[in-house]
Amino acid sequence: MTRQRSLVRPAPARQQAQGLTLVELLVALTVFAVLGVLSYRAVGQMSLLETHVGERQQRWRDLERSAHRIETDLLQLAGTSTGQPSLRLVPLPRGGSELQLQIFDGARSRVEQVSLRFSQQQLYRLSQPAAGGGSAGAQDLLLDHVGQLRWRFLHGGTRIDSWPPPGVDPNALPAAVELQLDLPDLGTLTRIVALR
């Protein structure tokens, strides 16, 4: 007996489907979601860091501006003809202190009364003409968030905490003035201005 071959061919095997399965799609979406969350957090952290750095830079600019203004005032101390000392440290009734200066303002060609007042964690500069010229005084906030401020004066080779000291001519000036600031965010900073 002879076998007959069948002319019918067997059906070809199913071709595999092209594309992603549902599981593969869910894994891809999960990976993208995780990357999105990480990117969002990184951008948020960078934004916070930029804000913090900007605030820190502004703090240093304010500090430099204040120190420069104080140094300029101290270097412009004038001999007084008003009968008041050129330099005097006065304690304030509610705490703090006020350094009173008689300075010569070369731009306006006049003597001004300047007070550097430290009170309630703020340092102000108040100024007005020494002779009643009729113009109103000015007040400028030099520095905020100051924990403590100390003035010291170099006289006769020693540092003293008040000016003028007893037994010294009230119009005499110390050899140097030291300003010490305790700033909660930056630590203790010291600036010394030589007057002679």
N, C-alpha and C. Protein backbone atom coordinates (compact mmCIF):
# COMPACT_ATOMS: atom_id res chain seq x y z
N MET A 1 0.82 -1.15 0.00
CA MET A 1 0.00 0.00 0.00
C MET A 1 0.87 1.22 0.00
N THR A 2 0.46 2.00 -0.77
CA THR A 2 1.18 3.27 -0.85
C THR A 2 0.44 4.33 -0.08
N ARG A 3 1.28 5.07 0.49
CA ARG A 3 0.71 6.17 1.27
C ARG A 3 0.49 7.35 0.38
N GLN A 4 -0.54 7.97 0.61
CA GLN A 4 -0.82 9.18 -0.15
C GLN A 4 -0.45 10.37 0.69
N ARG A 5 0.13 11.22 -0.03
CA ARG A 5 0.48 12.46 0.68
C ARG A 5 -0.69 13.39 0.64
N SER A 6 -0.82 14.03 1.73
CA SER A 6 -1.91 15.00 1.80
C SER A 6 -1.46 16.30 1.17
N LEU A 7 -2.27 16.84 0.40
CA LEU A 7 -1.97 18.12 -0.23
C LEU A 7 -2.27 19.28 0.69
N VAL A 8 -2.90 19.01 1.69
CA VAL A 8 -3.23 20.10 2.64
C VAL A 8 -2.02 20.31 3.55
N ARG A 9 -1.62 21.48 3.54
CA ARG A 9 -0.48 21.81 4.40
C ARG A 9 -0.98 22.19 5.78
N PRO A 10 -0.16 21.89 6.77
CA PRO A 10 -0.59 22.29 8.11
C PRO A 10 -0.56 23.81 8.22
N ALA A 11 -1.42 24.32 9.04
CA ALA A 11 -1.51 25.80 9.23
C ALA A 11 -0.20 26.29 9.84
N PRO A 12 0.31 27.42 9.31
CA PRO A 12 1.55 27.94 9.87
C PRO A 12 1.36 28.34 11.33
N ALA A 13 2.45 28.29 12.10
CA ALA A 13 2.38 28.69 13.52
C ALA A 13 2.02 30.15 13.62
N ARG A 14 1.29 30.47 14.61
CA ARG A 14 0.87 31.86 14.78
C ARG A 14 2.05 32.78 14.89
N GLN A 15 1.98 33.87 14.19
CA GLN A 15 3.05 34.85 14.30
C GLN A 15 2.89 35.56 15.63
N GLN A 16 4.04 35.93 16.26
CA GLN A 16 3.96 36.60 17.55
C GLN A 16 3.46 38.01 17.35
N ALA A 17 2.67 38.48 18.29
CA ALA A 17 2.11 39.84 18.21
C ALA A 17 3.21 40.86 18.42
N GLN A 18 3.13 41.95 17.68
CA GLN A 18 4.08 43.04 17.81
C GLN A 18 3.53 44.03 18.84
N GLY A 19 4.43 44.72 19.63
CA GLY A 19 4.00 45.71 20.61
C GLY A 19 4.31 45.26 22.02
N LEU A 20 3.69 45.98 22.98
CA LEU A 20 3.96 45.74 24.39
C LEU A 20 2.80 45.00 25.02
N THR A 21 3.14 44.19 25.95
CA THR A 21 2.09 43.56 26.74
C THR A 21 1.66 44.54 27.83
N LEU A 22 0.61 44.25 28.47
CA LEU A 22 0.10 45.12 29.53
C LEU A 22 1.10 45.23 30.68
N VAL A 23 1.75 44.15 31.04
CA VAL A 23 2.73 44.16 32.13
C VAL A 23 3.91 45.05 31.77
N GLU A 24 4.40 44.90 30.52
CA GLU A 24 5.51 45.75 30.09
C GLU A 24 5.14 47.21 30.12
N LEU A 25 3.93 47.51 29.71
CA LEU A 25 3.45 48.90 29.70
C LEU A 25 3.36 49.45 31.13
N LEU A 26 2.88 48.66 32.08
CA LEU A 26 2.79 49.10 33.47
C LEU A 26 4.18 49.32 34.07
N VAL A 27 5.13 48.48 33.76
CA VAL A 27 6.51 48.65 34.25
C VAL A 27 7.11 49.94 33.70
N ALA A 28 6.92 50.21 32.42
CA ALA A 28 7.45 51.44 31.81
C ALA A 28 6.82 52.68 32.45
N LEU A 29 5.50 52.63 32.67
CA LEU A 29 4.83 53.77 33.31
C LEU A 29 5.33 53.98 34.73
N THR A 30 5.57 52.92 35.45
CA THR A 30 6.09 53.03 36.82
C THR A 30 7.48 53.65 36.83
N VAL A 31 8.34 53.24 35.91
CA VAL A 31 9.69 53.80 35.82
C VAL A 31 9.61 55.30 35.51
N PHE A 32 8.77 55.67 34.56
CA PHE A 32 8.62 57.09 34.21
C PHE A 32 8.05 57.90 35.38
N ALA A 33 7.13 57.31 36.13
CA ALA A 33 6.56 58.01 37.28
C ALA A 33 7.63 58.25 38.35
N VAL A 34 8.45 57.25 38.62
CA VAL A 34 9.52 57.40 39.61
C VAL A 34 10.51 58.47 39.16
N LEU A 35 10.90 58.44 37.89
CA LEU A 35 11.82 59.46 37.36
C LEU A 35 11.20 60.85 37.45
N GLY A 36 9.91 60.95 37.19
CA GLY A 36 9.22 62.25 37.28
C GLY A 36 9.23 62.79 38.70
N VAL A 37 8.95 61.94 39.68
CA VAL A 37 8.95 62.36 41.08
C VAL A 37 10.34 62.79 41.51
N LEU A 38 11.37 62.02 41.14
CA LEU A 38 12.74 62.39 41.49
C LEU A 38 13.14 63.71 40.84
N SER A 39 12.76 63.91 39.60
CA SER A 39 13.07 65.18 38.92
C SER A 39 12.37 66.35 39.59
N TYR A 40 11.11 66.16 39.97
CA TYR A 40 10.36 67.22 40.63
C TYR A 40 11.01 67.60 41.96
N ARG A 41 11.41 66.59 42.73
CA ARG A 41 12.06 66.86 44.02
C ARG A 41 13.41 67.55 43.82
N ALA A 42 14.16 67.16 42.80
CA ALA A 42 15.45 67.80 42.53
C ALA A 42 15.26 69.27 42.16
N VAL A 43 14.27 69.56 41.34
CA VAL A 43 14.00 70.95 40.96
C VAL A 43 13.56 71.75 42.19
N GLY A 44 12.74 71.14 43.04
CA GLY A 44 12.31 71.83 44.27
C GLY A 44 13.47 72.13 45.19
N GLN A 45 14.39 71.18 45.34
CA GLN A 45 15.57 71.39 46.19
C GLN A 45 16.47 72.48 45.62
N MET A 46 16.63 72.49 44.30
CA MET A 46 17.45 73.52 43.67
C MET A 46 16.83 74.90 43.87
N SER A 47 15.53 74.98 43.80
CA SER A 47 14.83 76.25 44.01
C SER A 47 15.02 76.75 45.45
N LEU A 48 14.89 75.83 46.41
CA LEU A 48 15.11 76.20 47.81
C LEU A 48 16.55 76.63 48.06
N LEU A 49 17.49 75.93 47.44
CA LEU A 49 18.90 76.28 47.59
C LEU A 49 19.19 77.65 46.99
N GLU A 50 18.60 77.92 45.85
CA GLU A 50 18.79 79.24 45.21
C GLU A 50 18.24 80.35 46.09
N THR A 51 17.09 80.13 46.70
CA THR A 51 16.50 81.12 47.61
C THR A 51 17.40 81.33 48.81
N HIS A 52 17.90 80.26 49.38
CA HIS A 52 18.77 80.34 50.56
C HIS A 52 20.06 81.09 50.24
N VAL A 53 20.67 80.77 49.11
CA VAL A 53 21.91 81.45 48.71
C VAL A 53 21.65 82.93 48.46
N GLY A 54 20.52 83.25 47.84
CA GLY A 54 20.17 84.66 47.60
C GLY A 54 20.00 85.43 48.90
N GLU A 55 19.34 84.82 49.88
CA GLU A 55 19.16 85.47 51.18
C GLU A 55 20.50 85.67 51.89
N ARG A 56 21.38 84.67 51.78
CA ARG A 56 22.69 84.76 52.42
C ARG A 56 23.53 85.87 51.78
N GLN A 57 23.48 85.95 50.45
CA GLN A 57 24.22 87.01 49.76
C GLN A 57 23.70 88.39 50.16
N GLN A 58 22.38 88.52 50.27
CA GLN A 58 21.81 89.80 50.68
C GLN A 58 22.22 90.16 52.10
N ARG A 59 22.29 89.17 52.96
CA ARG A 59 22.73 89.41 54.35
C ARG A 59 24.17 89.94 54.38
N TRP A 60 25.06 89.32 53.58
CA TRP A 60 26.45 89.77 53.54
C TRP A 60 26.55 91.17 52.94
N ARG A 61 25.73 91.46 51.92
CA ARG A 61 25.73 92.82 51.34
C ARG A 61 25.28 93.85 52.37
N ASP A 62 24.23 93.53 53.12
CA ASP A 62 23.75 94.44 54.17
C ASP A 62 24.83 94.65 55.23
N LEU A 63 25.51 93.59 55.59
CA LEU A 63 26.56 93.68 56.60
C LEU A 63 27.72 94.55 56.11
N GLU A 64 28.12 94.36 54.86
CA GLU A 64 29.23 95.16 54.31
C GLU A 64 28.82 96.63 54.18
N ARG A 65 27.60 96.88 53.75
CA ARG A 65 27.12 98.26 53.63
C ARG A 65 27.10 98.95 55.00
N SER A 66 26.64 98.24 56.01
CA SER A 66 26.59 98.79 57.37
C SER A 66 27.99 99.08 57.90
N ALA A 67 28.90 98.13 57.74
CA ALA A 67 30.27 98.33 58.24
C ALA A 67 30.94 99.50 57.52
N HIS A 68 30.70 99.61 56.23
CA HIS A 68 31.29 100.73 55.47
C HIS A 68 30.72 102.07 55.93
N ARG A 69 29.42 102.11 56.18
CA ARG A 69 28.79 103.36 56.62
C ARG A 69 29.32 103.77 58.00
N ILE A 70 29.46 102.82 58.91
CA ILE A 70 29.98 103.11 60.25
C ILE A 70 31.42 103.58 60.17
N GLU A 71 32.24 102.89 59.36
CA GLU A 71 33.64 103.28 59.23
C GLU A 71 33.76 104.69 58.64
N THR A 72 32.94 104.99 57.63
CA THR A 72 32.96 106.34 57.03
C THR A 72 32.60 107.39 58.07
N ASP A 73 31.58 107.12 58.87
CA ASP A 73 31.18 108.08 59.91
C ASP A 73 32.30 108.29 60.92
N LEU A 74 32.94 107.21 61.35
CA LEU A 74 34.00 107.34 62.34
C LEU A 74 35.20 108.10 61.78
N LEU A 75 35.50 107.92 60.51
CA LEU A 75 36.63 108.62 59.91
C LEU A 75 36.33 110.09 59.63
N GLN A 76 35.06 110.48 59.72
CA GLN A 76 34.68 111.87 59.50
C GLN A 76 34.43 112.62 60.80
N LEU A 77 34.88 112.05 61.94
CA LEU A 77 34.68 112.73 63.21
C LEU A 77 35.28 114.12 63.13
N ALA A 78 34.51 115.09 63.61
CA ALA A 78 34.93 116.49 63.51
C ALA A 78 35.21 117.05 64.90
N GLY A 79 36.13 117.97 64.96
CA GLY A 79 36.31 118.73 66.20
C GLY A 79 35.07 119.58 66.40
N THR A 80 34.54 119.62 67.59
CA THR A 80 33.26 120.30 67.79
C THR A 80 33.46 121.72 68.30
N SER A 81 32.57 122.55 67.82
CA SER A 81 32.49 123.90 68.35
C SER A 81 31.16 124.09 69.05
N THR A 82 30.41 122.97 69.16
CA THR A 82 29.08 123.04 69.77
C THR A 82 29.13 122.79 71.27
N GLY A 83 30.29 122.46 71.80
CA GLY A 83 30.39 122.18 73.23
C GLY A 83 30.10 120.75 73.58
N GLN A 84 29.69 119.94 72.61
CA GLN A 84 29.43 118.52 72.85
C GLN A 84 30.62 117.71 72.39
N PRO A 85 30.87 116.55 73.01
CA PRO A 85 31.99 115.70 72.58
C PRO A 85 31.78 115.21 71.15
N SER A 86 32.89 114.97 70.46
CA SER A 86 32.83 114.42 69.09
C SER A 86 32.35 112.98 69.10
N LEU A 87 32.63 112.28 70.18
CA LEU A 87 32.32 110.86 70.28
C LEU A 87 31.88 110.56 71.70
N ARG A 88 30.71 109.89 71.81
CA ARG A 88 30.20 109.57 73.15
C ARG A 88 29.32 108.33 73.05
N LEU A 89 29.53 107.40 73.99
CA LEU A 89 28.71 106.20 74.06
C LEU A 89 27.72 106.36 75.21
N VAL A 90 26.43 106.22 74.87
CA VAL A 90 25.37 106.45 75.85
C VAL A 90 24.52 105.17 75.96
N PRO A 91 24.35 104.63 77.20
CA PRO A 91 23.45 103.47 77.34
C PRO A 91 22.00 103.93 77.21
N LEU A 92 21.17 103.08 76.63
CA LEU A 92 19.74 103.40 76.45
C LEU A 92 18.95 102.85 77.64
N PRO A 93 17.85 103.52 78.01
CA PRO A 93 17.07 103.09 79.19
C PRO A 93 16.52 101.67 79.07
N ARG A 94 16.12 101.24 77.90
CA ARG A 94 15.52 99.91 77.75
C ARG A 94 16.53 98.87 77.27
N GLY A 95 17.78 99.11 77.47
CA GLY A 95 18.83 98.19 77.00
C GLY A 95 19.38 98.66 75.67
N GLY A 96 20.52 98.19 75.34
CA GLY A 96 21.16 98.63 74.11
C GLY A 96 22.03 99.84 74.37
N SER A 97 22.54 100.43 73.31
CA SER A 97 23.42 101.59 73.46
C SER A 97 23.30 102.47 72.23
N GLU A 98 23.85 103.68 72.37
CA GLU A 98 23.84 104.63 71.27
C GLU A 98 25.20 105.31 71.22
N LEU A 99 25.88 105.20 70.09
CA LEU A 99 27.14 105.87 69.89
C LEU A 99 26.84 107.19 69.18
N GLN A 100 27.11 108.29 69.86
CA GLN A 100 26.81 109.61 69.30
C GLN A 100 28.08 110.22 68.73
N LEU A 101 27.99 110.72 67.51
CA LEU A 101 29.14 111.27 66.79
C LEU A 101 28.82 112.67 66.26
N GLN A 102 29.82 113.51 66.27
CA GLN A 102 29.75 114.78 65.55
C GLN A 102 30.66 114.61 64.34
N ILE A 103 30.08 114.56 63.15
CA ILE A 103 30.89 114.33 61.95
C ILE A 103 30.82 115.53 61.02
N PHE A 104 31.84 115.68 60.20
CA PHE A 104 31.84 116.72 59.19
C PHE A 104 31.46 116.09 57.86
N ASP A 105 30.30 116.48 57.33
CA ASP A 105 29.82 115.98 56.05
C ASP A 105 30.38 116.88 54.95
N GLY A 106 31.42 116.41 54.28
CA GLY A 106 32.07 117.21 53.25
C GLY A 106 31.18 117.49 52.07
N ALA A 107 30.27 116.59 51.73
CA ALA A 107 29.38 116.79 50.59
C ALA A 107 28.43 117.96 50.83
N ARG A 108 28.02 118.14 52.07
CA ARG A 108 27.09 119.23 52.39
C ARG A 108 27.77 120.38 53.12
N SER A 109 29.05 120.23 53.37
CA SER A 109 29.85 121.25 54.08
C SER A 109 29.19 121.68 55.38
N ARG A 110 28.87 120.71 56.19
CA ARG A 110 28.26 121.02 57.49
C ARG A 110 28.58 119.91 58.49
N VAL A 111 28.45 120.25 59.76
CA VAL A 111 28.63 119.28 60.84
C VAL A 111 27.28 118.63 61.13
N GLU A 112 27.27 117.32 61.24
CA GLU A 112 26.04 116.58 61.53
C GLU A 112 26.18 115.83 62.84
N GLN A 113 25.05 115.67 63.50
CA GLN A 113 24.95 114.83 64.69
C GLN A 113 24.46 113.47 64.20
N VAL A 114 25.28 112.44 64.39
CA VAL A 114 24.93 111.08 63.96
C VAL A 114 24.88 110.19 65.19
N SER A 115 23.85 109.36 65.25
CA SER A 115 23.72 108.39 66.34
C SER A 115 23.61 107.00 65.74
N LEU A 116 24.42 106.10 66.23
CA LEU A 116 24.35 104.69 65.86
C LEU A 116 23.67 103.97 67.02
N ARG A 117 22.40 103.70 66.87
CA ARG A 117 21.56 103.20 67.96
C ARG A 117 21.29 101.72 67.79
N PHE A 118 21.63 100.96 68.83
CA PHE A 118 21.34 99.53 68.85
C PHE A 118 20.26 99.26 69.88
N SER A 119 19.13 98.74 69.40
CA SER A 119 18.03 98.45 70.31
C SER A 119 17.16 97.36 69.68
N GLN A 120 16.74 96.41 70.47
CA GLN A 120 15.84 95.34 70.06
C GLN A 120 16.33 94.64 68.78
N GLN A 121 17.58 94.24 68.80
CA GLN A 121 18.22 93.48 67.73
C GLN A 121 18.31 94.23 66.40
N GLN A 122 18.24 95.55 66.45
CA GLN A 122 18.36 96.36 65.24
C GLN A 122 19.36 97.48 65.45
N LEU A 123 20.13 97.77 64.40
CA LEU A 123 21.10 98.85 64.44
C LEU A 123 20.64 99.93 63.46
N TYR A 124 20.40 101.12 64.01
CA TYR A 124 19.93 102.25 63.22
C TYR A 124 21.00 103.34 63.15
N ARG A 125 20.96 104.10 62.08
CA ARG A 125 21.78 105.31 61.95
C ARG A 125 20.82 106.48 61.84
N LEU A 126 20.90 107.38 62.83
CA LEU A 126 20.07 108.58 62.83
C LEU A 126 20.99 109.78 62.60
N SER A 127 20.58 110.69 61.75
CA SER A 127 21.42 111.87 61.48
C SER A 127 20.56 113.11 61.36
N GLN A 128 21.16 114.23 61.78
CA GLN A 128 20.52 115.54 61.65
C GLN A 128 21.61 116.60 61.73
N PRO A 129 21.37 117.77 61.18
CA PRO A 129 22.38 118.83 61.28
C PRO A 129 22.66 119.17 62.73
N ALA A 130 23.93 119.41 63.06
CA ALA A 130 24.31 119.72 64.44
C ALA A 130 23.74 121.08 64.84
N ALA A 131 23.82 122.05 63.95
CA ALA A 131 23.22 123.36 64.22
C ALA A 131 21.81 123.31 63.66
N GLY A 132 20.86 123.83 64.39
CA GLY A 132 19.47 123.78 63.96
C GLY A 132 19.26 124.43 62.60
N GLY A 133 19.44 123.66 61.55
CA GLY A 133 19.28 124.18 60.20
C GLY A 133 17.87 124.07 59.69
N GLY A 134 16.95 123.58 60.50
CA GLY A 134 15.56 123.49 60.10
C GLY A 134 15.24 122.23 59.30
N SER A 135 16.23 121.47 58.87
CA SER A 135 15.92 120.26 58.10
C SER A 135 15.72 119.09 59.05
N ALA A 136 14.82 118.22 58.65
CA ALA A 136 14.49 117.06 59.49
C ALA A 136 15.62 116.04 59.43
N GLY A 137 15.71 115.25 60.48
CA GLY A 137 16.72 114.21 60.54
C GLY A 137 16.32 113.01 59.70
N ALA A 138 17.27 112.13 59.49
CA ALA A 138 17.02 110.91 58.71
C ALA A 138 17.31 109.70 59.59
N GLN A 139 16.56 108.63 59.34
CA GLN A 139 16.76 107.38 60.07
C GLN A 139 16.91 106.27 59.05
N ASP A 140 17.95 105.45 59.22
CA ASP A 140 18.25 104.38 58.29
C ASP A 140 18.52 103.11 59.08
N LEU A 141 17.81 102.03 58.74
CA LEU A 141 18.07 100.74 59.37
C LEU A 141 19.32 100.15 58.73
N LEU A 142 20.40 100.08 59.50
CA LEU A 142 21.65 99.54 58.97
C LEU A 142 21.66 98.02 58.96
N LEU A 143 21.21 97.42 60.05
CA LEU A 143 21.32 95.97 60.16
C LEU A 143 20.22 95.44 61.08
N ASP A 144 19.67 94.30 60.70
CA ASP A 144 18.60 93.66 61.46
C ASP A 144 19.09 92.29 61.95
N HIS A 145 18.40 91.73 62.91
CA HIS A 145 18.72 90.41 63.48
C HIS A 145 20.14 90.38 64.05
N VAL A 146 20.43 91.33 64.91
CA VAL A 146 21.72 91.40 65.59
C VAL A 146 21.51 90.92 67.02
N GLY A 147 22.20 89.85 67.41
CA GLY A 147 22.04 89.33 68.77
C GLY A 147 22.58 90.28 69.82
N GLN A 148 23.79 90.78 69.60
CA GLN A 148 24.44 91.68 70.56
C GLN A 148 25.41 92.57 69.80
N LEU A 149 25.57 93.80 70.30
CA LEU A 149 26.54 94.74 69.74
C LEU A 149 27.36 95.31 70.89
N ARG A 150 28.68 95.34 70.70
CA ARG A 150 29.57 95.90 71.72
C ARG A 150 30.51 96.90 71.06
N TRP A 151 30.70 98.05 71.72
CA TRP A 151 31.68 99.05 71.31
C TRP A 151 32.84 99.00 72.29
N ARG A 152 34.06 99.06 71.78
CA ARG A 152 35.24 99.19 72.64
C ARG A 152 36.13 100.27 72.03
N PHE A 153 36.89 100.90 72.90
CA PHE A 153 37.72 102.02 72.47
C PHE A 153 39.15 101.79 72.92
N LEU A 154 40.10 101.96 72.00
CA LEU A 154 41.51 101.80 72.33
C LEU A 154 42.06 103.16 72.76
N HIS A 155 42.51 103.21 74.03
CA HIS A 155 43.03 104.46 74.57
C HIS A 155 44.19 104.13 75.50
N GLY A 156 45.33 104.72 75.23
CA GLY A 156 46.50 104.49 76.10
C GLY A 156 46.95 103.04 76.12
N GLY A 157 46.75 102.32 75.03
CA GLY A 157 47.19 100.93 74.95
C GLY A 157 46.23 99.92 75.56
N THR A 158 45.09 100.36 76.08
CA THR A 158 44.11 99.42 76.65
C THR A 158 42.75 99.63 75.99
N ARG A 159 41.96 98.59 76.04
CA ARG A 159 40.59 98.67 75.52
C ARG A 159 39.65 99.00 76.66
N ILE A 160 38.80 99.98 76.43
CA ILE A 160 37.82 100.34 77.45
C ILE A 160 36.43 100.27 76.83
N ASP A 161 35.42 100.08 77.69
CA ASP A 161 34.06 99.84 77.21
C ASP A 161 33.18 101.09 77.16
N SER A 162 33.71 102.24 77.55
CA SER A 162 32.89 103.46 77.50
C SER A 162 33.74 104.62 76.97
N TRP A 163 33.04 105.61 76.43
CA TRP A 163 33.75 106.80 75.95
C TRP A 163 32.86 108.02 76.14
N PRO A 164 33.39 109.12 76.60
CA PRO A 164 34.75 109.36 77.07
C PRO A 164 34.94 108.80 78.47
N PRO A 165 36.14 108.28 78.76
CA PRO A 165 36.38 107.76 80.11
C PRO A 165 36.56 108.90 81.09
N PRO A 166 36.38 108.65 82.39
CA PRO A 166 36.56 109.70 83.38
C PRO A 166 38.00 110.24 83.36
N GLY A 167 38.13 111.53 83.52
CA GLY A 167 39.44 112.16 83.59
C GLY A 167 40.09 112.42 82.24
N VAL A 168 39.36 112.17 81.14
CA VAL A 168 39.90 112.43 79.80
C VAL A 168 39.09 113.56 79.19
N ASP A 169 39.78 114.43 78.45
CA ASP A 169 39.12 115.54 77.76
C ASP A 169 37.97 114.99 76.92
N PRO A 170 36.73 115.50 77.09
CA PRO A 170 35.59 114.97 76.35
C PRO A 170 35.74 115.10 74.84
N ASN A 171 36.55 116.04 74.37
CA ASN A 171 36.74 116.21 72.93
C ASN A 171 37.87 115.34 72.38
N ALA A 172 38.57 114.61 73.25
CA ALA A 172 39.64 113.73 72.79
C ALA A 172 39.03 112.52 72.08
N LEU A 173 39.78 111.96 71.17
CA LEU A 173 39.33 110.78 70.43
C LEU A 173 40.22 109.59 70.80
N PRO A 174 39.65 108.40 70.81
CA PRO A 174 40.47 107.21 71.06
C PRO A 174 41.36 106.93 69.86
N ALA A 175 42.34 106.07 70.04
CA ALA A 175 43.21 105.69 68.93
C ALA A 175 42.46 104.83 67.91
N ALA A 176 41.51 104.05 68.38
CA ALA A 176 40.72 103.19 67.49
C ALA A 176 39.39 102.86 68.15
N VAL A 177 38.42 102.50 67.32
CA VAL A 177 37.10 102.07 67.80
C VAL A 177 36.88 100.65 67.29
N GLU A 178 36.47 99.77 68.19
CA GLU A 178 36.18 98.38 67.83
C GLU A 178 34.69 98.14 67.92
N LEU A 179 34.15 97.57 66.85
CA LEU A 179 32.73 97.19 66.81
C LEU A 179 32.68 95.67 66.75
N GLN A 180 31.92 95.08 67.67
CA GLN A 180 31.77 93.62 67.70
C GLN A 180 30.29 93.29 67.59
N LEU A 181 29.95 92.49 66.58
CA LEU A 181 28.56 92.10 66.33
C LEU A 181 28.42 90.60 66.54
N ASP A 182 27.43 90.21 67.34
CA ASP A 182 27.07 88.80 67.47
C ASP A 182 25.84 88.59 66.61
N LEU A 183 26.00 87.86 65.52
CA LEU A 183 24.91 87.61 64.58
C LEU A 183 24.52 86.14 64.67
N PRO A 184 23.26 85.83 64.98
CA PRO A 184 22.86 84.43 65.15
C PRO A 184 23.15 83.57 63.92
N ASP A 185 23.07 84.13 62.72
CA ASP A 185 23.24 83.33 61.52
C ASP A 185 24.69 83.30 61.01
N LEU A 186 25.55 84.22 61.47
CA LEU A 186 26.91 84.29 60.95
C LEU A 186 28.00 84.15 62.01
N GLY A 187 27.65 84.26 63.26
CA GLY A 187 28.65 84.21 64.33
C GLY A 187 29.07 85.61 64.77
N THR A 188 30.23 85.72 65.40
CA THR A 188 30.72 86.99 65.91
C THR A 188 31.68 87.62 64.91
N LEU A 189 31.39 88.86 64.54
CA LEU A 189 32.23 89.61 63.61
C LEU A 189 32.78 90.84 64.30
N THR A 190 34.04 91.14 64.06
CA THR A 190 34.71 92.28 64.69
C THR A 190 35.27 93.18 63.62
N ARG A 191 35.07 94.49 63.78
CA ARG A 191 35.64 95.49 62.87
C ARG A 191 36.34 96.55 63.71
N ILE A 192 37.58 96.86 63.38
CA ILE A 192 38.35 97.88 64.10
C ILE A 192 38.65 99.02 63.14
N VAL A 193 38.35 100.24 63.58
CA VAL A 193 38.59 101.43 62.77
C VAL A 193 39.63 102.28 63.51
N ALA A 194 40.79 102.47 62.89
CA ALA A 194 41.83 103.31 63.49
C ALA A 194 41.50 104.77 63.22
N LEU A 195 41.53 105.59 64.26
CA LEU A 195 41.22 107.02 64.11
C LEU A 195 42.49 107.85 64.02
N ARG A 196 43.62 107.32 64.48
CA ARG A 196 44.89 108.05 64.37
C ARG A 196 46.00 107.10 63.98
